[in-house]
Amino acid sequence: MSGAADPVRQAEHERFAGVDWYGADLGGAVFVGCEFVDADLTEVTTRGARFEECRFLGGQLNASTHDGTSFAGCTFR
């Protein structure tokens, strides 16, 4: 990771604005009703993670990999 704060692994109804989780491993993480605003999720891996009713507004997901990850009811803008 590029000197960024360690990512959260489980959250409900939280807002993550401008987080820098570049290259983070979010395997097994669970996010419910969360909002990601201008988040840098470049090269993130999310094996077996679960995102439910989350909103992704702006931000980067380039070169990220999602193996067995669910994005149920999520919005991407």
N, C-alpha and C. Protein backbone atom coordinates (compact mmCIF):
# COMPACT_ATOMS: atom_id res chain seq x y z
N MET A 1 0.84 -1.17 0.00
CA MET A 1 0.00 0.00 0.00
C MET A 1 0.89 1.23 0.00
N SER A 2 0.39 2.30 -0.55
CA SER A 2 1.19 3.50 -0.72
C SER A 2 1.10 4.43 0.49
N GLY A 3 1.44 3.95 1.66
CA GLY A 3 1.43 4.79 2.83
C GLY A 3 0.03 5.16 3.31
N ALA A 4 -0.96 4.49 2.80
CA ALA A 4 -2.35 4.79 3.13
C ALA A 4 -2.73 4.12 4.44
N ALA A 5 -3.82 4.59 5.01
CA ALA A 5 -4.35 3.98 6.22
C ALA A 5 -4.84 2.57 5.91
N ASP A 6 -4.74 1.69 6.89
CA ASP A 6 -5.24 0.33 6.71
C ASP A 6 -6.75 0.39 6.47
N PRO A 7 -7.23 -0.43 5.53
CA PRO A 7 -8.67 -0.41 5.23
C PRO A 7 -9.50 -1.06 6.35
N VAL A 8 -10.72 -0.61 6.43
CA VAL A 8 -11.70 -1.19 7.34
C VAL A 8 -12.12 -2.53 6.75
N ARG A 9 -12.39 -3.53 7.56
CA ARG A 9 -12.76 -4.86 7.06
C ARG A 9 -14.25 -5.14 7.22
N GLN A 10 -14.93 -4.38 8.08
CA GLN A 10 -16.35 -4.60 8.29
C GLN A 10 -16.98 -3.28 8.73
N ALA A 11 -18.10 -2.93 8.06
CA ALA A 11 -18.76 -1.66 8.40
C ALA A 11 -20.22 -1.69 7.98
N GLU A 12 -21.03 -0.97 8.72
CA GLU A 12 -22.44 -0.79 8.37
C GLU A 12 -22.76 0.69 8.40
N HIS A 13 -23.37 1.16 7.32
CA HIS A 13 -23.87 2.54 7.21
C HIS A 13 -22.79 3.58 7.52
N GLU A 14 -21.58 3.35 7.01
CA GLU A 14 -20.50 4.31 7.18
C GLU A 14 -20.19 4.97 5.84
N ARG A 15 -19.61 6.16 5.92
CA ARG A 15 -19.21 6.90 4.73
C ARG A 15 -17.69 6.95 4.68
N PHE A 16 -17.13 6.51 3.56
CA PHE A 16 -15.69 6.52 3.36
C PHE A 16 -15.38 7.51 2.24
N ALA A 17 -14.96 8.71 2.61
CA ALA A 17 -14.69 9.76 1.62
C ALA A 17 -13.19 9.96 1.47
N GLY A 18 -12.71 9.83 0.23
CA GLY A 18 -11.32 10.09 -0.07
C GLY A 18 -10.33 9.09 0.52
N VAL A 19 -10.78 7.90 0.89
CA VAL A 19 -9.85 6.91 1.44
C VAL A 19 -8.89 6.44 0.35
N ASP A 20 -7.69 6.10 0.75
CA ASP A 20 -6.67 5.60 -0.17
C ASP A 20 -6.33 4.17 0.24
N TRP A 21 -7.01 3.23 -0.38
CA TRP A 21 -6.78 1.81 -0.09
C TRP A 21 -6.09 1.14 -1.27
N TYR A 22 -5.27 1.87 -1.99
CA TYR A 22 -4.56 1.36 -3.16
C TYR A 22 -3.88 0.03 -2.84
N GLY A 23 -4.20 -0.99 -3.64
CA GLY A 23 -3.55 -2.29 -3.52
C GLY A 23 -3.93 -3.10 -2.29
N ALA A 24 -4.93 -2.69 -1.56
CA ALA A 24 -5.32 -3.38 -0.32
C ALA A 24 -5.97 -4.73 -0.61
N ASP A 25 -5.85 -5.63 0.35
CA ASP A 25 -6.52 -6.92 0.30
C ASP A 25 -7.75 -6.82 1.19
N LEU A 26 -8.93 -6.80 0.55
CA LEU A 26 -10.20 -6.73 1.29
C LEU A 26 -10.90 -8.08 1.30
N GLY A 27 -10.14 -9.15 1.16
CA GLY A 27 -10.71 -10.49 1.16
C GLY A 27 -11.53 -10.74 2.41
N GLY A 28 -12.78 -11.18 2.22
CA GLY A 28 -13.66 -11.51 3.33
C GLY A 28 -14.31 -10.31 4.02
N ALA A 29 -14.04 -9.10 3.52
CA ALA A 29 -14.62 -7.90 4.13
C ALA A 29 -16.13 -7.86 3.89
N VAL A 30 -16.85 -7.19 4.80
CA VAL A 30 -18.30 -7.05 4.69
C VAL A 30 -18.67 -5.58 4.89
N PHE A 31 -19.36 -5.02 3.89
CA PHE A 31 -19.81 -3.63 3.95
C PHE A 31 -21.31 -3.62 3.64
N VAL A 32 -22.09 -3.05 4.52
CA VAL A 32 -23.54 -3.00 4.35
C VAL A 32 -24.00 -1.54 4.44
N GLY A 33 -24.66 -1.08 3.39
CA GLY A 33 -25.21 0.28 3.38
C GLY A 33 -24.17 1.37 3.48
N CYS A 34 -22.97 1.11 2.99
CA CYS A 34 -21.88 2.09 3.08
C CYS A 34 -21.79 2.93 1.80
N GLU A 35 -21.14 4.06 1.93
CA GLU A 35 -20.94 4.95 0.80
C GLU A 35 -19.44 5.21 0.65
N PHE A 36 -18.96 5.00 -0.58
CA PHE A 36 -17.56 5.23 -0.90
C PHE A 36 -17.50 6.40 -1.87
N VAL A 37 -16.95 7.54 -1.41
CA VAL A 37 -16.92 8.76 -2.21
C VAL A 37 -15.47 9.09 -2.56
N ASP A 38 -15.18 9.16 -3.86
CA ASP A 38 -13.82 9.47 -4.33
C ASP A 38 -12.77 8.60 -3.65
N ALA A 39 -13.07 7.33 -3.49
CA ALA A 39 -12.16 6.38 -2.85
C ALA A 39 -11.19 5.80 -3.88
N ASP A 40 -9.92 5.71 -3.52
CA ASP A 40 -8.93 5.08 -4.39
C ASP A 40 -8.85 3.60 -4.04
N LEU A 41 -9.51 2.79 -4.86
CA LEU A 41 -9.53 1.33 -4.68
C LEU A 41 -8.77 0.66 -5.82
N THR A 42 -7.82 1.38 -6.40
CA THR A 42 -7.00 0.86 -7.50
C THR A 42 -6.23 -0.37 -7.02
N GLU A 43 -6.26 -1.43 -7.83
CA GLU A 43 -5.54 -2.69 -7.58
C GLU A 43 -5.97 -3.40 -6.29
N VAL A 44 -7.15 -3.09 -5.78
CA VAL A 44 -7.70 -3.78 -4.61
C VAL A 44 -8.10 -5.19 -5.00
N THR A 45 -7.96 -6.14 -4.09
CA THR A 45 -8.48 -7.50 -4.29
C THR A 45 -9.55 -7.74 -3.22
N THR A 46 -10.64 -8.40 -3.63
CA THR A 46 -11.77 -8.58 -2.72
C THR A 46 -12.27 -10.02 -2.67
N ARG A 47 -11.41 -10.98 -2.66
CA ARG A 47 -11.84 -12.39 -2.67
C ARG A 47 -12.83 -12.68 -1.54
N GLY A 48 -14.05 -13.09 -1.94
CA GLY A 48 -15.07 -13.48 -0.97
C GLY A 48 -15.66 -12.33 -0.16
N ALA A 49 -15.44 -11.10 -0.59
CA ALA A 49 -16.00 -9.95 0.14
C ALA A 49 -17.48 -9.79 -0.20
N ARG A 50 -18.17 -9.01 0.63
CA ARG A 50 -19.61 -8.79 0.42
C ARG A 50 -19.92 -7.31 0.58
N PHE A 51 -20.52 -6.73 -0.45
CA PHE A 51 -20.97 -5.34 -0.44
C PHE A 51 -22.48 -5.38 -0.67
N GLU A 52 -23.26 -4.89 0.28
CA GLU A 52 -24.72 -4.89 0.16
C GLU A 52 -25.24 -3.46 0.25
N GLU A 53 -26.02 -3.05 -0.77
CA GLU A 53 -26.65 -1.74 -0.78
C GLU A 53 -25.64 -0.61 -0.58
N CYS A 54 -24.45 -0.75 -1.14
CA CYS A 54 -23.42 0.28 -1.04
C CYS A 54 -23.46 1.20 -2.25
N ARG A 55 -22.94 2.41 -2.07
CA ARG A 55 -22.86 3.39 -3.16
C ARG A 55 -21.41 3.74 -3.40
N PHE A 56 -21.00 3.66 -4.67
CA PHE A 56 -19.65 4.03 -5.08
C PHE A 56 -19.78 5.27 -5.95
N LEU A 57 -19.34 6.42 -5.44
CA LEU A 57 -19.50 7.68 -6.13
C LEU A 57 -18.12 8.25 -6.44
N GLY A 58 -17.79 8.33 -7.74
CA GLY A 58 -16.45 8.75 -8.11
C GLY A 58 -15.47 7.67 -7.73
N GLY A 59 -14.24 8.02 -7.55
CA GLY A 59 -13.23 7.06 -7.13
C GLY A 59 -12.69 6.21 -8.26
N GLN A 60 -11.77 5.33 -7.91
CA GLN A 60 -11.11 4.47 -8.88
C GLN A 60 -11.18 3.01 -8.44
N LEU A 61 -11.51 2.17 -9.41
CA LEU A 61 -11.50 0.72 -9.20
C LEU A 61 -10.63 0.04 -10.26
N ASN A 62 -9.81 0.82 -10.97
CA ASN A 62 -9.03 0.23 -12.06
C ASN A 62 -8.06 -0.83 -11.55
N ALA A 63 -7.92 -1.85 -12.36
CA ALA A 63 -7.02 -2.98 -12.10
C ALA A 63 -7.36 -3.72 -10.81
N SER A 64 -8.58 -3.54 -10.30
CA SER A 64 -9.00 -4.29 -9.10
C SER A 64 -9.52 -5.66 -9.53
N THR A 65 -9.44 -6.64 -8.63
CA THR A 65 -9.94 -7.98 -8.93
C THR A 65 -10.92 -8.40 -7.85
N HIS A 66 -12.00 -9.05 -8.31
CA HIS A 66 -13.10 -9.42 -7.41
C HIS A 66 -13.48 -10.87 -7.69
N ASP A 67 -12.97 -11.77 -6.88
CA ASP A 67 -13.19 -13.20 -7.06
C ASP A 67 -14.15 -13.70 -5.98
N GLY A 68 -15.35 -14.10 -6.40
CA GLY A 68 -16.34 -14.59 -5.44
C GLY A 68 -16.90 -13.49 -4.55
N THR A 69 -16.82 -12.26 -5.03
CA THR A 69 -17.31 -11.10 -4.28
C THR A 69 -18.71 -10.74 -4.76
N SER A 70 -19.58 -10.34 -3.83
CA SER A 70 -20.92 -9.92 -4.23
C SER A 70 -21.09 -8.42 -4.03
N PHE A 71 -21.79 -7.80 -5.00
CA PHE A 71 -22.13 -6.38 -4.95
C PHE A 71 -23.66 -6.30 -5.08
N ALA A 72 -24.38 -6.78 -4.07
CA ALA A 72 -25.84 -6.87 -4.12
C ALA A 72 -26.49 -5.51 -3.88
N GLY A 73 -27.24 -5.03 -4.85
CA GLY A 73 -27.96 -3.78 -4.72
C GLY A 73 -27.07 -2.55 -4.66
N CYS A 74 -25.85 -2.63 -5.17
CA CYS A 74 -24.91 -1.51 -5.13
C CYS A 74 -25.12 -0.57 -6.32
N THR A 75 -24.72 0.68 -6.12
CA THR A 75 -24.80 1.71 -7.15
C THR A 75 -23.39 2.21 -7.44
N PHE A 76 -23.08 2.32 -8.75
CA PHE A 76 -21.77 2.83 -9.18
C PHE A 76 -22.01 4.04 -10.05
N ARG A 77 -21.41 5.19 -9.68
CA ARG A 77 -21.55 6.41 -10.49
C ARG A 77 -20.21 7.04 -10.67
